[in-house]
Amino acid sequence: MKVFARTPVDLAEQRVPRGQVFLIPERCKGCKLCVAFCPRHVLQESSQSNAKGYHTPEVVPGKNGSCVHCEFCTMVCPEFAIFTLEVQA
């Protein structure tokens, strides 16, 4: 753990946002950009496929609470097939 010379005055009041991942399987084309760009490694390729035959992403088992609602997956998805919503913890 890094020790900084200064710390924010309101450090104790800050909270890490939490998110929940939602997928629209019919839109997914299996590009795996969302999996590659997730900074918390919350997503993985699932063994299930959609109607088009593409393997869709899924949340890694045990990482349901790890999403920080950064929305990288939403930004990189060319098909608008995945998004997150912030949940209040």
N, C-alpha and C. Protein backbone atom coordinates (compact mmCIF):
# COMPACT_ATOMS: atom_id res chain seq x y z
N MET A 1 0.84 -1.18 0.00
CA MET A 1 0.00 0.00 0.00
C MET A 1 0.88 1.24 0.00
N LYS A 2 0.56 2.17 -0.87
CA LYS A 2 1.33 3.41 -0.95
C LYS A 2 0.93 4.34 0.17
N VAL A 3 1.91 5.04 0.68
CA VAL A 3 1.67 6.07 1.68
C VAL A 3 1.93 7.40 1.00
N PHE A 4 0.98 8.27 1.04
CA PHE A 4 1.10 9.56 0.40
C PHE A 4 1.41 10.63 1.44
N ALA A 5 2.09 11.66 1.00
CA ALA A 5 2.43 12.76 1.88
C ALA A 5 1.17 13.53 2.30
N ARG A 6 0.18 13.55 1.43
CA ARG A 6 -1.06 14.26 1.74
C ARG A 6 -2.23 13.31 1.54
N THR A 7 -3.27 13.49 2.27
CA THR A 7 -4.50 12.73 2.07
C THR A 7 -5.65 13.72 1.98
N PRO A 8 -6.65 13.42 1.19
CA PRO A 8 -7.80 14.32 1.10
C PRO A 8 -8.49 14.47 2.45
N VAL A 9 -9.00 15.65 2.71
CA VAL A 9 -9.66 15.94 3.97
C VAL A 9 -10.91 15.06 4.14
N ASP A 10 -11.63 14.82 3.05
CA ASP A 10 -12.88 14.06 3.12
C ASP A 10 -12.70 12.59 2.72
N LEU A 11 -11.54 12.03 2.90
CA LEU A 11 -11.26 10.65 2.49
C LEU A 11 -12.22 9.66 3.14
N ALA A 12 -12.55 9.84 4.39
CA ALA A 12 -13.45 8.92 5.09
C ALA A 12 -14.87 8.99 4.55
N GLU A 13 -15.24 10.09 3.93
CA GLU A 13 -16.59 10.27 3.42
C GLU A 13 -16.76 9.72 2.01
N GLN A 14 -15.67 9.43 1.32
CA GLN A 14 -15.74 8.95 -0.06
C GLN A 14 -16.15 7.47 -0.09
N ARG A 15 -16.88 7.10 -1.13
CA ARG A 15 -17.30 5.71 -1.28
C ARG A 15 -16.98 5.24 -2.69
N VAL A 16 -16.74 3.97 -2.82
CA VAL A 16 -16.50 3.37 -4.13
C VAL A 16 -17.85 3.04 -4.73
N PRO A 17 -18.15 3.53 -5.93
CA PRO A 17 -19.45 3.21 -6.53
C PRO A 17 -19.54 1.73 -6.86
N ARG A 18 -20.72 1.20 -6.83
CA ARG A 18 -20.99 -0.20 -7.19
C ARG A 18 -21.96 -0.22 -8.35
N GLY A 19 -21.76 -1.18 -9.22
CA GLY A 19 -22.63 -1.28 -10.39
C GLY A 19 -23.13 -2.69 -10.59
N GLN A 20 -24.15 -2.79 -11.41
CA GLN A 20 -24.67 -4.09 -11.82
C GLN A 20 -24.64 -4.13 -13.34
N VAL A 21 -24.16 -5.24 -13.88
CA VAL A 21 -23.99 -5.40 -15.33
C VAL A 21 -25.26 -5.98 -15.93
N PHE A 22 -25.69 -5.39 -17.04
CA PHE A 22 -26.85 -5.88 -17.78
C PHE A 22 -26.42 -6.13 -19.23
N LEU A 23 -26.93 -7.19 -19.81
CA LEU A 23 -26.59 -7.56 -21.18
C LEU A 23 -27.86 -7.77 -21.99
N ILE A 24 -27.83 -7.32 -23.23
CA ILE A 24 -28.90 -7.60 -24.19
C ILE A 24 -28.33 -8.63 -25.14
N PRO A 25 -28.54 -9.93 -24.85
CA PRO A 25 -27.86 -11.00 -25.60
C PRO A 25 -28.10 -10.97 -27.11
N GLU A 26 -29.28 -10.55 -27.53
CA GLU A 26 -29.58 -10.56 -28.97
C GLU A 26 -28.69 -9.60 -29.74
N ARG A 27 -28.18 -8.56 -29.09
CA ARG A 27 -27.33 -7.58 -29.76
C ARG A 27 -25.87 -7.98 -29.80
N CYS A 28 -25.44 -8.84 -28.91
CA CYS A 28 -24.02 -9.18 -28.75
C CYS A 28 -23.49 -9.93 -29.98
N LYS A 29 -22.31 -9.53 -30.45
CA LYS A 29 -21.65 -10.20 -31.56
C LYS A 29 -20.36 -10.88 -31.14
N GLY A 30 -20.16 -11.05 -29.84
CA GLY A 30 -19.03 -11.81 -29.33
C GLY A 30 -17.66 -11.21 -29.57
N CYS A 31 -17.54 -9.90 -29.63
CA CYS A 31 -16.25 -9.28 -29.91
C CYS A 31 -15.31 -9.32 -28.70
N LYS A 32 -15.85 -9.47 -27.52
CA LYS A 32 -15.09 -9.57 -26.26
C LYS A 32 -14.37 -8.29 -25.87
N LEU A 33 -14.74 -7.16 -26.46
CA LEU A 33 -14.12 -5.90 -26.05
C LEU A 33 -14.47 -5.56 -24.61
N CYS A 34 -15.68 -5.85 -24.21
CA CYS A 34 -16.09 -5.57 -22.83
C CYS A 34 -15.26 -6.38 -21.84
N VAL A 35 -14.97 -7.62 -22.19
CA VAL A 35 -14.15 -8.50 -21.34
C VAL A 35 -12.73 -7.95 -21.26
N ALA A 36 -12.18 -7.54 -22.38
CA ALA A 36 -10.80 -7.05 -22.43
C ALA A 36 -10.60 -5.74 -21.70
N PHE A 37 -11.60 -4.86 -21.74
CA PHE A 37 -11.43 -3.53 -21.17
C PHE A 37 -11.93 -3.38 -19.74
N CYS A 38 -12.51 -4.41 -19.17
CA CYS A 38 -13.00 -4.31 -17.78
C CYS A 38 -11.82 -4.21 -16.83
N PRO A 39 -11.65 -3.08 -16.13
CA PRO A 39 -10.48 -2.92 -15.27
C PRO A 39 -10.52 -3.80 -14.01
N ARG A 40 -11.69 -4.27 -13.63
CA ARG A 40 -11.81 -5.11 -12.44
C ARG A 40 -11.94 -6.60 -12.80
N HIS A 41 -11.85 -6.93 -14.08
CA HIS A 41 -11.95 -8.31 -14.56
C HIS A 41 -13.23 -8.98 -14.07
N VAL A 42 -14.33 -8.25 -14.21
CA VAL A 42 -15.64 -8.74 -13.77
C VAL A 42 -16.28 -9.63 -14.82
N LEU A 43 -15.90 -9.47 -16.08
CA LEU A 43 -16.56 -10.20 -17.18
C LEU A 43 -15.68 -11.30 -17.74
N GLN A 44 -16.33 -12.32 -18.25
CA GLN A 44 -15.67 -13.41 -18.96
C GLN A 44 -16.59 -13.88 -20.07
N GLU A 45 -16.04 -14.62 -21.02
CA GLU A 45 -16.85 -15.19 -22.09
C GLU A 45 -17.63 -16.38 -21.54
N SER A 46 -18.91 -16.42 -21.81
CA SER A 46 -19.72 -17.53 -21.30
C SER A 46 -19.71 -18.69 -22.28
N SER A 47 -20.12 -19.83 -21.80
CA SER A 47 -20.21 -21.00 -22.67
C SER A 47 -21.52 -20.99 -23.46
N GLN A 48 -22.46 -20.16 -23.04
CA GLN A 48 -23.74 -20.06 -23.75
C GLN A 48 -23.60 -19.12 -24.93
N SER A 49 -24.41 -19.37 -25.95
CA SER A 49 -24.40 -18.49 -27.11
C SER A 49 -25.80 -17.95 -27.36
N ASN A 50 -25.85 -16.83 -28.06
CA ASN A 50 -27.14 -16.23 -28.39
C ASN A 50 -27.69 -16.85 -29.67
N ALA A 51 -28.78 -16.32 -30.17
CA ALA A 51 -29.43 -16.88 -31.36
C ALA A 51 -28.55 -16.80 -32.60
N LYS A 52 -27.62 -15.85 -32.61
CA LYS A 52 -26.71 -15.70 -33.75
C LYS A 52 -25.51 -16.63 -33.66
N GLY A 53 -25.36 -17.29 -32.52
CA GLY A 53 -24.24 -18.22 -32.35
C GLY A 53 -23.01 -17.62 -31.68
N TYR A 54 -23.10 -16.37 -31.22
CA TYR A 54 -21.98 -15.72 -30.56
C TYR A 54 -21.99 -16.02 -29.07
N HIS A 55 -20.82 -16.22 -28.50
CA HIS A 55 -20.71 -16.41 -27.06
C HIS A 55 -20.77 -15.05 -26.38
N THR A 56 -21.72 -14.89 -25.51
CA THR A 56 -21.95 -13.61 -24.83
C THR A 56 -21.09 -13.53 -23.57
N PRO A 57 -20.85 -12.32 -23.07
CA PRO A 57 -20.12 -12.19 -21.81
C PRO A 57 -21.02 -12.50 -20.63
N GLU A 58 -20.40 -12.80 -19.51
CA GLU A 58 -21.13 -13.02 -18.27
C GLU A 58 -20.26 -12.53 -17.12
N VAL A 59 -20.88 -12.31 -15.99
CA VAL A 59 -20.14 -11.91 -14.80
C VAL A 59 -19.41 -13.14 -14.26
N VAL A 60 -18.15 -12.97 -13.94
CA VAL A 60 -17.35 -14.06 -13.37
C VAL A 60 -17.98 -14.48 -12.05
N PRO A 61 -18.18 -15.78 -11.83
CA PRO A 61 -18.76 -16.22 -10.57
C PRO A 61 -17.95 -15.71 -9.37
N GLY A 62 -18.66 -15.15 -8.41
CA GLY A 62 -18.02 -14.60 -7.22
C GLY A 62 -17.63 -13.14 -7.32
N LYS A 63 -17.84 -12.52 -8.50
CA LYS A 63 -17.47 -11.12 -8.68
C LYS A 63 -18.69 -10.22 -8.88
N ASN A 64 -19.83 -10.64 -8.39
CA ASN A 64 -21.05 -9.84 -8.56
C ASN A 64 -20.92 -8.45 -7.95
N GLY A 65 -20.21 -8.33 -6.84
CA GLY A 65 -20.07 -7.04 -6.18
C GLY A 65 -18.82 -6.28 -6.57
N SER A 66 -18.11 -6.72 -7.59
CA SER A 66 -16.83 -6.10 -7.96
C SER A 66 -16.95 -4.98 -8.99
N CYS A 67 -18.07 -4.88 -9.67
CA CYS A 67 -18.26 -3.84 -10.69
C CYS A 67 -18.28 -2.47 -9.99
N VAL A 68 -17.49 -1.53 -10.52
CA VAL A 68 -17.42 -0.19 -9.95
C VAL A 68 -18.13 0.85 -10.82
N HIS A 69 -18.96 0.39 -11.73
CA HIS A 69 -19.78 1.27 -12.58
C HIS A 69 -18.93 2.29 -13.35
N CYS A 70 -17.79 1.81 -13.86
CA CYS A 70 -16.92 2.69 -14.64
C CYS A 70 -17.48 2.92 -16.05
N GLU A 71 -18.30 2.00 -16.49
CA GLU A 71 -18.98 2.04 -17.79
C GLU A 71 -18.04 1.87 -18.98
N PHE A 72 -16.83 1.33 -18.77
CA PHE A 72 -15.95 1.04 -19.90
C PHE A 72 -16.61 0.06 -20.85
N CYS A 73 -17.27 -0.96 -20.30
CA CYS A 73 -17.92 -1.95 -21.16
C CYS A 73 -18.96 -1.30 -22.06
N THR A 74 -19.70 -0.36 -21.52
CA THR A 74 -20.72 0.35 -22.29
C THR A 74 -20.08 1.18 -23.39
N MET A 75 -18.98 1.84 -23.08
CA MET A 75 -18.32 2.72 -24.04
C MET A 75 -17.68 1.96 -25.20
N VAL A 76 -17.15 0.77 -24.94
CA VAL A 76 -16.43 0.06 -26.00
C VAL A 76 -17.30 -0.89 -26.82
N CYS A 77 -18.52 -1.16 -26.36
CA CYS A 77 -19.38 -2.10 -27.07
C CYS A 77 -19.91 -1.48 -28.36
N PRO A 78 -19.53 -2.02 -29.52
CA PRO A 78 -19.99 -1.44 -30.78
C PRO A 78 -21.47 -1.71 -31.08
N GLU A 79 -22.06 -2.65 -30.37
CA GLU A 79 -23.45 -3.02 -30.63
C GLU A 79 -24.41 -2.54 -29.55
N PHE A 80 -23.92 -1.79 -28.56
CA PHE A 80 -24.75 -1.30 -27.45
C PHE A 80 -25.47 -2.45 -26.75
N ALA A 81 -24.74 -3.54 -26.54
CA ALA A 81 -25.33 -4.75 -25.98
C ALA A 81 -25.13 -4.88 -24.48
N ILE A 82 -24.31 -4.04 -23.87
CA ILE A 82 -24.01 -4.18 -22.45
C ILE A 82 -24.01 -2.80 -21.80
N PHE A 83 -24.47 -2.75 -20.57
CA PHE A 83 -24.46 -1.50 -19.82
C PHE A 83 -24.46 -1.81 -18.33
N THR A 84 -24.14 -0.81 -17.54
CA THR A 84 -24.18 -0.97 -16.09
C THR A 84 -25.07 0.11 -15.50
N LEU A 85 -25.63 -0.19 -14.36
CA LEU A 85 -26.38 0.78 -13.59
C LEU A 85 -25.81 0.81 -12.19
N GLU A 86 -25.74 1.99 -11.61
CA GLU A 86 -25.21 2.11 -10.26
C GLU A 86 -26.24 1.57 -9.27
N VAL A 87 -25.76 0.82 -8.31
CA VAL A 87 -26.61 0.32 -7.24
C VAL A 87 -26.15 0.94 -5.93
N GLN A 88 -27.08 1.24 -5.08
CA GLN A 88 -26.75 1.82 -3.78
C GLN A 88 -26.44 0.71 -2.80
N ALA A 89 -25.28 0.82 -2.20
CA ALA A 89 -24.85 -0.22 -1.25
C ALA A 89 -25.21 0.15 0.17
